[in-house]
PDB file of all heavy atoms in Angstrom:
ATOM      1  N   PRO A   1       0.830  -1.211   0.000  1.00  0.00           N
ATOM      2  CA  PRO A   1       0.000   0.000   0.000  1.00  0.00           C
ATOM      3  C   PRO A   1       0.860   1.256   0.000  1.00  0.00           C
ATOM      4  O   PRO A   1       1.919   1.296   0.613  1.00  0.00           O
ATOM      5  CB  PRO A   1      -0.801  -0.120   1.301  1.00  0.00           C
ATOM      6  CG  PRO A   1      -0.699  -1.563   1.696  1.00  0.00           C
ATOM      7  CD  PRO A   1       0.620  -2.032   1.181  1.00  0.00           C
ATOM      8  N   GLY A   2       0.402   2.283  -0.699  1.00  0.00           N
ATOM      9  CA  GLY A   2       1.055   3.582  -0.659  1.00  0.00           C
ATOM     10  C   GLY A   2       0.295   4.524   0.259  1.00  0.00           C
ATOM     11  O   GLY A   2      -0.884   4.303   0.546  1.00  0.00           O
ATOM     12  N   SER A   3       0.966   5.547   0.710  1.00  0.00           N
ATOM     13  CA  SER A   3       0.323   6.453   1.658  1.00  0.00           C
ATOM     14  C   SER A   3       0.728   7.886   1.363  1.00  0.00           C
ATOM     15  O   SER A   3       1.901   8.165   1.095  1.00  0.00           O
ATOM     16  CB  SER A   3       0.710   6.087   3.089  1.00  0.00           C
ATOM     17  OG  SER A   3       0.128   6.991   4.013  1.00  0.00           O
ATOM     18  N   VAL A   4      -0.244   8.790   1.395  1.00  0.00           N
ATOM     19  CA  VAL A   4       0.005  10.222   1.261  1.00  0.00           C
ATOM     20  C   VAL A   4      -0.707  10.928   2.410  1.00  0.00           C
ATOM     21  O   VAL A   4      -1.935  10.804   2.554  1.00  0.00           O
ATOM     22  CB  VAL A   4      -0.501  10.769  -0.091  1.00  0.00           C
ATOM     23  CG1 VAL A   4      -0.369  12.293  -0.125  1.00  0.00           C
ATOM     24  CG2 VAL A   4       0.276  10.153  -1.238  1.00  0.00           C
ATOM     25  N   ASN A   5       0.032  11.636   3.218  1.00  0.00           N
ATOM     26  CA  ASN A   5      -0.537  12.411   4.324  1.00  0.00           C
ATOM     27  C   ASN A   5      -0.465  13.891   3.972  1.00  0.00           C
ATOM     28  O   ASN A   5       0.593  14.384   3.587  1.00  0.00           O
ATOM     29  CB  ASN A   5       0.225  12.146   5.622  1.00  0.00           C
ATOM     30  CG  ASN A   5       0.098  10.698   6.066  1.00  0.00           C
ATOM     31  OD1 ASN A   5      -0.987  10.135   6.023  1.00  0.00           O
ATOM     32  ND2 ASN A   5       1.205  10.095   6.477  1.00  0.00           N
ATOM     33  N   ALA A   6      -1.579  14.603   4.115  1.00  0.00           N
ATOM     34  CA  ALA A   6      -1.636  16.002   3.706  1.00  0.00           C
ATOM     35  C   ALA A   6      -2.249  16.856   4.814  1.00  0.00           C
ATOM     36  O   ALA A   6      -3.181  16.427   5.517  1.00  0.00           O
ATOM     37  CB  ALA A   6      -2.458  16.155   2.432  1.00  0.00           C
ATOM     38  N   THR A   7      -1.705  18.058   4.966  1.00  0.00           N
ATOM     39  CA  THR A   7      -2.287  19.071   5.854  1.00  0.00           C
ATOM     40  C   THR A   7      -2.652  20.274   5.001  1.00  0.00           C
ATOM     41  O   THR A   7      -1.780  20.863   4.343  1.00  0.00           O
ATOM     42  CB  THR A   7      -1.291  19.483   6.944  1.00  0.00           C
ATOM     43  OG1 THR A   7      -0.952  18.334   7.720  1.00  0.00           O
ATOM     44  CG2 THR A   7      -1.910  20.547   7.849  1.00  0.00           C
ATOM     45  N   LEU A   8      -3.921  20.614   4.957  1.00  0.00           N
ATOM     46  CA  LEU A   8      -4.380  21.716   4.129  1.00  0.00           C
ATOM     47  C   LEU A   8      -4.191  23.048   4.866  1.00  0.00           C
ATOM     48  O   LEU A   8      -4.513  23.165   6.051  1.00  0.00           O
ATOM     49  CB  LEU A   8      -5.849  21.539   3.756  1.00  0.00           C
ATOM     50  CG  LEU A   8      -6.209  20.284   2.957  1.00  0.00           C
ATOM     51  CD1 LEU A   8      -7.660  20.351   2.509  1.00  0.00           C
ATOM     52  CD2 LEU A   8      -5.288  20.105   1.763  1.00  0.00           C
ATOM     53  N   GLU A   9      -3.678  24.037   4.123  1.00  0.00           N
ATOM     54  CA  GLU A   9      -3.474  25.379   4.679  1.00  0.00           C
ATOM     55  C   GLU A   9      -4.593  26.312   4.225  1.00  0.00           C
ATOM     56  O   GLU A   9      -5.100  26.204   3.110  1.00  0.00           O
ATOM     57  CB  GLU A   9      -2.117  25.945   4.217  1.00  0.00           C
ATOM     58  CG  GLU A   9      -0.922  25.091   4.628  1.00  0.00           C
ATOM     59  CD  GLU A   9       0.390  25.650   4.094  1.00  0.00           C
ATOM     60  OE1 GLU A   9       0.355  26.759   3.518  1.00  0.00           O
ATOM     61  OE2 GLU A   9       1.427  24.984   4.253  1.00  0.00           O
ATOM     62  N   VAL A  10      -4.959  27.221   5.101  1.00  0.00           N
ATOM     63  CA  VAL A  10      -6.007  28.178   4.770  1.00  0.00           C
ATOM     64  C   VAL A  10      -5.540  29.067   3.609  1.00  0.00           C
ATOM     65  O   VAL A  10      -4.402  29.531   3.587  1.00  0.00           O
ATOM     66  CB  VAL A  10      -6.366  29.051   5.994  1.00  0.00           C
ATOM     67  CG1 VAL A  10      -7.399  30.122   5.618  1.00  0.00           C
ATOM     68  CG2 VAL A  10      -6.906  28.174   7.123  1.00  0.00           C
ATOM     69  N   GLY A  11      -6.403  29.269   2.625  1.00  0.00           N
ATOM     70  CA  GLY A  11      -6.048  30.091   1.474  1.00  0.00           C
ATOM     71  C   GLY A  11      -7.050  29.913   0.365  1.00  0.00           C
ATOM     72  O   GLY A  11      -8.130  29.326   0.549  1.00  0.00           O
ATOM     73  N   ASN A  12      -6.680  30.413  -0.808  1.00  0.00           N
ATOM     74  CA  ASN A  12      -7.540  30.284  -1.976  1.00  0.00           C
ATOM     75  C   ASN A  12      -7.378  28.916  -2.616  1.00  0.00           C
ATOM     76  O   ASN A  12      -6.287  28.341  -2.639  1.00  0.00           O
ATOM     77  CB  ASN A  12      -7.217  31.379  -2.995  1.00  0.00           C
ATOM     78  CG  ASN A  12      -7.558  32.759  -2.459  1.00  0.00           C
ATOM     79  OD1 ASN A  12      -8.537  32.927  -1.721  1.00  0.00           O
ATOM     80  ND2 ASN A  12      -6.746  33.749  -2.832  1.00  0.00           N
ATOM     81  N   LEU A  13      -8.461  28.436  -3.175  1.00  0.00           N
ATOM     82  CA  LEU A  13      -8.436  27.129  -3.825  1.00  0.00           C
ATOM     83  C   LEU A  13      -7.452  27.099  -4.993  1.00  0.00           C
ATOM     84  O   LEU A  13      -6.891  26.062  -5.332  1.00  0.00           O
ATOM     85  CB  LEU A  13      -9.848  26.777  -4.305  1.00  0.00           C
ATOM     86  CG  LEU A  13     -10.090  25.331  -4.751  1.00  0.00           C
ATOM     87  CD1 LEU A  13      -9.898  24.380  -3.582  1.00  0.00           C
ATOM     88  CD2 LEU A  13     -11.500  25.182  -5.334  1.00  0.00           C
ATOM     89  N   THR A  14      -7.239  28.263  -5.621  1.00  0.00           N
ATOM     90  CA  THR A  14      -6.340  28.326  -6.783  1.00  0.00           C
ATOM     91  C   THR A  14      -4.874  28.288  -6.382  1.00  0.00           C
ATOM     92  O   THR A  14      -4.011  28.062  -7.221  1.00  0.00           O
ATOM     93  CB  THR A  14      -6.622  29.603  -7.588  1.00  0.00           C
ATOM     94  OG1 THR A  14      -6.493  30.743  -6.722  1.00  0.00           O
ATOM     95  CG2 THR A  14      -8.030  29.572  -8.174  1.00  0.00           C
ATOM     96  N   GLU A  15      -4.589  28.538  -5.103  1.00  0.00           N
ATOM     97  CA  GLU A  15      -3.208  28.452  -4.637  1.00  0.00           C
ATOM     98  C   GLU A  15      -2.837  26.987  -4.420  1.00  0.00           C
ATOM     99  O   GLU A  15      -3.674  26.173  -3.990  1.00  0.00           O
ATOM    100  CB  GLU A  15      -3.032  29.238  -3.336  1.00  0.00           C
ATOM    101  CG  GLU A  15      -3.266  30.730  -3.469  1.00  0.00           C
ATOM    102  CD  GLU A  15      -3.066  31.432  -2.141  1.00  0.00           C
ATOM    103  OE1 GLU A  15      -4.047  31.542  -1.376  1.00  0.00           O
ATOM    104  OE2 GLU A  15      -1.923  31.864  -1.878  1.00  0.00           O
ATOM    105  N   LYS A  16      -1.571  26.662  -4.678  1.00  0.00           N
ATOM    106  CA  LYS A  16      -1.119  25.276  -4.560  1.00  0.00           C
ATOM    107  C   LYS A  16       0.073  25.167  -3.618  1.00  0.00           C
ATOM    108  O   LYS A  16       0.945  26.028  -3.601  1.00  0.00           O
ATOM    109  CB  LYS A  16      -0.725  24.705  -5.929  1.00  0.00           C
ATOM    110  CG  LYS A  16      -1.888  24.494  -6.879  1.00  0.00           C
ATOM    111  CD  LYS A  16      -1.409  23.832  -8.169  1.00  0.00           C
ATOM    112  CE  LYS A  16      -2.582  23.600  -9.117  1.00  0.00           C
ATOM    113  NZ  LYS A  16      -2.133  22.945 -10.384  1.00  0.00           N
ATOM    114  N   VAL A  17       0.064  24.101  -2.863  1.00  0.00           N
ATOM    115  CA  VAL A  17       1.225  23.727  -2.049  1.00  0.00           C
ATOM    116  C   VAL A  17       1.720  22.399  -2.615  1.00  0.00           C
ATOM    117  O   VAL A  17       1.076  21.352  -2.466  1.00  0.00           O
ATOM    118  CB  VAL A  17       0.855  23.578  -0.562  1.00  0.00           C
ATOM    119  CG1 VAL A  17       2.068  23.109   0.233  1.00  0.00           C
ATOM    120  CG2 VAL A  17       0.326  24.882  -0.015  1.00  0.00           C
ATOM    121  N   GLU A  18       2.865  22.421  -3.326  1.00  0.00           N
ATOM    122  CA  GLU A  18       3.386  21.228  -3.973  1.00  0.00           C
ATOM    123  C   GLU A  18       4.524  20.624  -3.164  1.00  0.00           C
ATOM    124  O   GLU A  18       5.386  21.339  -2.661  1.00  0.00           O
ATOM    125  CB  GLU A  18       3.868  21.557  -5.394  1.00  0.00           C
ATOM    126  CG  GLU A  18       2.749  22.025  -6.318  1.00  0.00           C
ATOM    127  CD  GLU A  18       3.192  22.088  -7.771  1.00  0.00           C
ATOM    128  OE1 GLU A  18       4.242  21.495  -8.090  1.00  0.00           O
ATOM    129  OE2 GLU A  18       2.488  22.704  -8.574  1.00  0.00           O
ATOM    130  N   VAL A  19       4.511  19.309  -3.054  1.00  0.00           N
ATOM    131  CA  VAL A  19       5.571  18.586  -2.341  1.00  0.00           C
ATOM    132  C   VAL A  19       6.076  17.470  -3.245  1.00  0.00           C
ATOM    133  O   VAL A  19       5.354  16.958  -4.112  1.00  0.00           O
ATOM    134  CB  VAL A  19       5.079  18.014  -1.001  1.00  0.00           C
ATOM    135  CG1 VAL A  19       4.626  19.111  -0.072  1.00  0.00           C
ATOM    136  CG2 VAL A  19       3.986  16.985  -1.230  1.00  0.00           C
ATOM    137  N   LYS A  20       7.319  17.102  -3.047  1.00  0.00           N
ATOM    138  CA  LYS A  20       7.914  15.965  -3.755  1.00  0.00           C
ATOM    139  C   LYS A  20       7.742  14.748  -2.871  1.00  0.00           C
ATOM    140  O   LYS A  20       8.326  14.660  -1.789  1.00  0.00           O
ATOM    141  CB  LYS A  20       9.401  16.218  -4.024  1.00  0.00           C
ATOM    142  CG  LYS A  20      10.139  15.073  -4.687  1.00  0.00           C
ATOM    143  CD  LYS A  20       9.733  14.892  -6.141  1.00  0.00           C
ATOM    144  CE  LYS A  20      10.606  13.856  -6.821  1.00  0.00           C
ATOM    145  NZ  LYS A  20      10.257  13.657  -8.239  1.00  0.00           N
ATOM    146  N   SER A  21       6.914  13.812  -3.299  1.00  0.00           N
ATOM    147  CA  SER A  21       6.605  12.668  -2.464  1.00  0.00           C
ATOM    148  C   SER A  21       7.568  11.535  -2.742  1.00  0.00           C
ATOM    149  O   SER A  21       8.053  11.363  -3.867  1.00  0.00           O
ATOM    150  CB  SER A  21       5.183  12.180  -2.712  1.00  0.00           C
ATOM    151  OG  SER A  21       4.897  11.053  -1.925  1.00  0.00           O
ATOM    152  N   GLY A  22       7.860  10.749  -1.723  1.00  0.00           N
ATOM    153  CA  GLY A  22       8.704   9.562  -1.886  1.00  0.00           C
ATOM    154  C   GLY A  22       8.143   8.429  -1.069  1.00  0.00           C
ATOM    155  O   GLY A  22       7.264   8.619  -0.221  1.00  0.00           O
ATOM    156  N   ASN A  23       8.631   7.217  -1.295  1.00  0.00           N
ATOM    157  CA  ASN A  23       8.152   6.078  -0.528  1.00  0.00           C
ATOM    158  C   ASN A  23       8.608   6.192   0.922  1.00  0.00           C
ATOM    159  O   ASN A  23       9.726   6.611   1.206  1.00  0.00           O
ATOM    160  CB  ASN A  23       8.700   4.770  -1.123  1.00  0.00           C
ATOM    161  CG  ASN A  23       8.119   4.505  -2.482  1.00  0.00           C
ATOM    162  OD1 ASN A  23       7.009   4.917  -2.785  1.00  0.00           O
ATOM    163  ND2 ASN A  23       8.877   3.825  -3.328  1.00  0.00           N
ATOM    164  N   GLU A  24       7.732   5.803   1.826  1.00  0.00           N
ATOM    165  CA  GLU A  24       8.096   5.834   3.230  1.00  0.00           C
ATOM    166  C   GLU A  24       9.165   4.786   3.507  1.00  0.00           C
ATOM    167  O   GLU A  24       9.143   3.683   2.958  1.00  0.00           O
ATOM    168  CB  GLU A  24       6.873   5.534   4.093  1.00  0.00           C
ATOM    169  CG  GLU A  24       5.760   6.564   3.956  1.00  0.00           C
ATOM    170  CD  GLU A  24       4.589   6.233   4.879  1.00  0.00           C
ATOM    171  OE1 GLU A  24       4.846   5.857   6.031  1.00  0.00           O
ATOM    172  OE2 GLU A  24       3.454   6.352   4.436  1.00  0.00           O
ATOM    173  N   LEU A  25      10.136   5.126   4.389  1.00  0.00           N
ATOM    174  CA  LEU A  25      11.160   4.168   4.765  1.00  0.00           C
ATOM    175  C   LEU A  25      10.550   2.977   5.475  1.00  0.00           C
ATOM    176  O   LEU A  25      10.982   1.841   5.310  1.00  0.00           O
ATOM    177  CB  LEU A  25      12.215   4.847   5.652  1.00  0.00           C
ATOM    178  CG  LEU A  25      13.048   5.936   4.962  1.00  0.00           C
ATOM    179  CD1 LEU A  25      14.030   6.542   5.952  1.00  0.00           C
ATOM    180  CD2 LEU A  25      13.794   5.364   3.774  1.00  0.00           C
ATOM    181  N   VAL A  26       9.555   3.214   6.273  1.00  0.00           N
ATOM    182  CA  VAL A  26       8.830   2.150   6.951  1.00  0.00           C
ATOM    183  C   VAL A  26       7.360   2.281   6.575  1.00  0.00           C
ATOM    184  O   VAL A  26       6.720   3.266   6.897  1.00  0.00           O
ATOM    185  CB  VAL A  26       8.996   2.247   8.486  1.00  0.00           C
ATOM    186  CG1 VAL A  26       8.201   1.133   9.153  1.00  0.00           C
ATOM    187  CG2 VAL A  26      10.463   2.165   8.868  1.00  0.00           C
ATOM    188  N   GLN A  27       6.847   1.274   5.848  1.00  0.00           N
ATOM    189  CA  GLN A  27       5.443   1.347   5.476  1.00  0.00           C
ATOM    190  C   GLN A  27       4.624   0.738   6.608  1.00  0.00           C
ATOM    191  O   GLN A  27       4.950  -0.308   7.154  1.00  0.00           O
ATOM    192  CB  GLN A  27       5.217   0.666   4.119  1.00  0.00           C
ATOM    193  CG  GLN A  27       5.477  -0.826   4.073  1.00  0.00           C
ATOM    194  CD  GLN A  27       4.232  -1.638   4.334  1.00  0.00           C
ATOM    195  OE1 GLN A  27       3.144  -1.087   4.470  1.00  0.00           O
ATOM    196  NE2 GLN A  27       4.390  -2.950   4.411  1.00  0.00           N
ATOM    197  N   THR A  28       3.553   1.410   6.951  1.00  0.00           N
ATOM    198  CA  THR A  28       2.770   1.054   8.141  1.00  0.00           C
ATOM    199  C   THR A  28       1.418   0.461   7.815  1.00  0.00           C
ATOM    200  O   THR A  28       0.617   0.215   8.716  1.00  0.00           O
ATOM    201  CB  THR A  28       2.580   2.311   9.018  1.00  0.00           C
ATOM    202  OG1 THR A  28       1.939   3.320   8.234  1.00  0.00           O
ATOM    203  CG2 THR A  28       3.913   2.839   9.506  1.00  0.00           C
ATOM    204  N   GLN A  29       1.127   0.230   6.529  1.00  0.00           N
ATOM    205  CA  GLN A  29      -0.197  -0.258   6.174  1.00  0.00           C
ATOM    206  C   GLN A  29      -0.341  -1.770   6.366  1.00  0.00           C
ATOM    207  O   GLN A  29      -1.450  -2.280   6.461  1.00  0.00           O
ATOM    208  CB  GLN A  29      -0.516   0.091   4.715  1.00  0.00           C
ATOM    209  CG  GLN A  29      -1.041   1.515   4.528  1.00  0.00           C
ATOM    210  CD  GLN A  29       0.042   2.540   4.767  1.00  0.00           C
ATOM    211  OE1 GLN A  29       1.151   2.381   4.273  1.00  0.00           O
ATOM    212  NE2 GLN A  29      -0.262   3.572   5.522  1.00  0.00           N
ATOM    213  N   SER A  30       0.746  -2.508   6.353  1.00  0.00           N
ATOM    214  CA  SER A  30       0.677  -3.961   6.545  1.00  0.00           C
ATOM    215  C   SER A  30       1.953  -4.431   7.213  1.00  0.00           C
ATOM    216  O   SER A  30       2.935  -3.701   7.295  1.00  0.00           O
ATOM    217  CB  SER A  30       0.483  -4.687   5.198  1.00  0.00           C
ATOM    218  OG  SER A  30       1.659  -4.588   4.417  1.00  0.00           O
ATOM    219  N   ALA A  31       1.925  -5.696   7.676  1.00  0.00           N
ATOM    220  CA  ALA A  31       3.072  -6.244   8.407  1.00  0.00           C
ATOM    221  C   ALA A  31       4.058  -6.964   7.508  1.00  0.00           C
ATOM    222  O   ALA A  31       5.092  -7.440   7.978  1.00  0.00           O
ATOM    223  CB  ALA A  31       2.561  -7.213   9.482  1.00  0.00           C
ATOM    224  N   GLN A  32       3.768  -7.045   6.209  1.00  0.00           N
ATOM    225  CA  GLN A  32       4.643  -7.823   5.340  1.00  0.00           C
ATOM    226  C   GLN A  32       5.991  -7.124   5.135  1.00  0.00           C
ATOM    227  O   GLN A  32       6.102  -5.899   5.190  1.00  0.00           O
ATOM    228  CB  GLN A  32       3.979  -8.077   3.996  1.00  0.00           C
ATOM    229  CG  GLN A  32       3.896  -6.884   3.068  1.00  0.00           C
ATOM    230  CD  GLN A  32       3.243  -7.248   1.736  1.00  0.00           C
ATOM    231  OE1 GLN A  32       2.385  -8.118   1.686  1.00  0.00           O
ATOM    232  NE2 GLN A  32       3.634  -6.592   0.681  1.00  0.00           N
ATOM    233  N   VAL A  33       7.020  -7.955   4.916  1.00  0.00           N
ATOM    234  CA  VAL A  33       8.374  -7.462   4.673  1.00  0.00           C
ATOM    235  C   VAL A  33       8.701  -7.739   3.205  1.00  0.00           C
ATOM    236  O   VAL A  33       8.715  -8.897   2.780  1.00  0.00           O
ATOM    237  CB  VAL A  33       9.393  -8.153   5.593  1.00  0.00           C
ATOM    238  CG1 VAL A  33      10.796  -7.643   5.301  1.00  0.00           C
ATOM    239  CG2 VAL A  33       9.034  -7.909   7.055  1.00  0.00           C
ATOM    240  N   ALA A  34       8.940  -6.684   2.435  1.00  0.00           N
ATOM    241  CA  ALA A  34       9.131  -6.847   0.997  1.00  0.00           C
ATOM    242  C   ALA A  34      10.197  -5.891   0.496  1.00  0.00           C
ATOM    243  O   ALA A  34      10.483  -4.864   1.103  1.00  0.00           O
ATOM    244  CB  ALA A  34       7.813  -6.617   0.245  1.00  0.00           C
ATOM    245  N   ALA A  35      10.815  -6.262  -0.621  1.00  0.00           N
ATOM    246  CA  ALA A  35      11.789  -5.413  -1.311  1.00  0.00           C
ATOM    247  C   ALA A  35      11.418  -5.378  -2.782  1.00  0.00           C
ATOM    248  O   ALA A  35      10.950  -6.377  -3.336  1.00  0.00           O
ATOM    249  CB  ALA A  35      13.202  -5.941  -1.120  1.00  0.00           C
ATOM    250  N   THR A  36      11.643  -4.244  -3.437  1.00  0.00           N
ATOM    251  CA  THR A  36      11.216  -4.062  -4.822  1.00  0.00           C
ATOM    252  C   THR A  36      12.346  -3.494  -5.660  1.00  0.00           C
ATOM    253  O   THR A  36      13.071  -2.594  -5.231  1.00  0.00           O
ATOM    254  CB  THR A  36       9.996  -3.122  -4.904  1.00  0.00           C
ATOM    255  OG1 THR A  36       8.916  -3.695  -4.170  1.00  0.00           O
ATOM    256  CG2 THR A  36       9.562  -2.913  -6.345  1.00  0.00           C
ATOM    257  N   LEU A  37      12.499  -4.044  -6.870  1.00  0.00           N
ATOM    258  CA  LEU A  37      13.405  -3.502  -7.882  1.00  0.00           C
ATOM    259  C   LEU A  37      12.540  -2.960  -9.013  1.00  0.00           C
ATOM    260  O   LEU A  37      11.747  -3.706  -9.604  1.00  0.00           O
ATOM    261  CB  LEU A  37      14.350  -4.587  -8.411  1.00  0.00           C
ATOM    262  CG  LEU A  37      15.434  -5.090  -7.455  1.00  0.00           C
ATOM    263  CD1 LEU A  37      16.143  -6.310  -8.049  1.00  0.00           C
ATOM    264  CD2 LEU A  37      16.455  -4.001  -7.171  1.00  0.00           C
ATOM    265  N   SER A  38      12.685  -1.691  -9.322  1.00  0.00           N
ATOM    266  CA  SER A  38      11.894  -1.077 -10.383  1.00  0.00           C
ATOM    267  C   SER A  38      12.641  -1.139 -11.702  1.00  0.00           C
ATOM    268  O   SER A  38      13.827  -1.488 -11.761  1.00  0.00           O
ATOM    269  CB  SER A  38      11.583   0.377 -10.033  1.00  0.00           C
ATOM    270  OG  SER A  38      12.779   1.148 -10.046  1.00  0.00           O
ATOM    271  N   THR A  39      11.955  -0.749 -12.770  1.00  0.00           N
ATOM    272  CA  THR A  39      12.576  -0.784 -14.093  1.00  0.00           C
ATOM    273  C   THR A  39      13.771   0.155 -14.185  1.00  0.00           C
ATOM    274  O   THR A  39      14.736  -0.118 -14.901  1.00  0.00           O
ATOM    275  CB  THR A  39      11.531  -0.428 -15.175  1.00  0.00           C
ATOM    276  OG1 THR A  39      12.137  -0.483 -16.457  1.00  0.00           O
ATOM    277  CG2 THR A  39      10.959   0.966 -14.960  1.00  0.00           C
ATOM    278  N   ASP A  40      13.737   1.269 -13.447  1.00  0.00           N
ATOM    279  CA  ASP A  40      14.872   2.193 -13.446  1.00  0.00           C
ATOM    280  C   ASP A  40      16.106   1.550 -12.833  1.00  0.00           C
ATOM    281  O   ASP A  40      17.240   1.817 -13.253  1.00  0.00           O
ATOM    282  CB  ASP A  40      14.517   3.468 -12.673  1.00  0.00           C
ATOM    283  CG  ASP A  40      13.432   4.274 -13.358  1.00  0.00           C
ATOM    284  OD1 ASP A  40      13.346   4.195 -14.600  1.00  0.00           O
ATOM    285  OD2 ASP A  40      12.671   4.960 -12.665  1.00  0.00           O
ATOM    286  N   GLN A  41      15.907   0.693 -11.828  1.00  0.00           N
ATOM    287  CA  GLN A  41      17.040  -0.002 -11.219  1.00  0.00           C
ATOM    288  C   GLN A  41      17.510  -1.158 -12.088  1.00  0.00           C
ATOM    289  O   GLN A  41      18.707  -1.407 -12.213  1.00  0.00           O
ATOM    290  CB  GLN A  41      16.636  -0.507  -9.823  1.00  0.00           C
ATOM    291  CG  GLN A  41      16.339   0.595  -8.824  1.00  0.00           C
ATOM    292  CD  GLN A  41      15.680   0.066  -7.570  1.00  0.00           C
ATOM    293  OE1 GLN A  41      14.648  -0.599  -7.615  1.00  0.00           O
ATOM    294  NE2 GLN A  41      16.285   0.359  -6.422  1.00  0.00           N
ATOM    295  N   LEU A  42      16.568  -1.873 -12.697  1.00  0.00           N
ATOM    296  CA  LEU A  42      16.925  -3.039 -13.494  1.00  0.00           C
ATOM    297  C   LEU A  42      17.812  -2.670 -14.674  1.00  0.00           C
ATOM    298  O   LEU A  42      18.735  -3.408 -15.032  1.00  0.00           O
ATOM    299  CB  LEU A  42      15.664  -3.744 -13.993  1.00  0.00           C
ATOM    300  CG  LEU A  42      14.841  -4.478 -12.932  1.00  0.00           C
ATOM    301  CD1 LEU A  42      13.538  -4.987 -13.548  1.00  0.00           C
ATOM    302  CD2 LEU A  42      15.626  -5.630 -12.347  1.00  0.00           C
TER     303      LEU A  42
END
């Protein structure tokens, strides 16, 4: 599972707060232990 946590700031809807998201070092959605190689690594 992937996870995105967001805190909305008061302002205009047209204003944007952009963040660079990355995978969490420790994923908390399940107890499984897994490792992944993506096409960029392969």
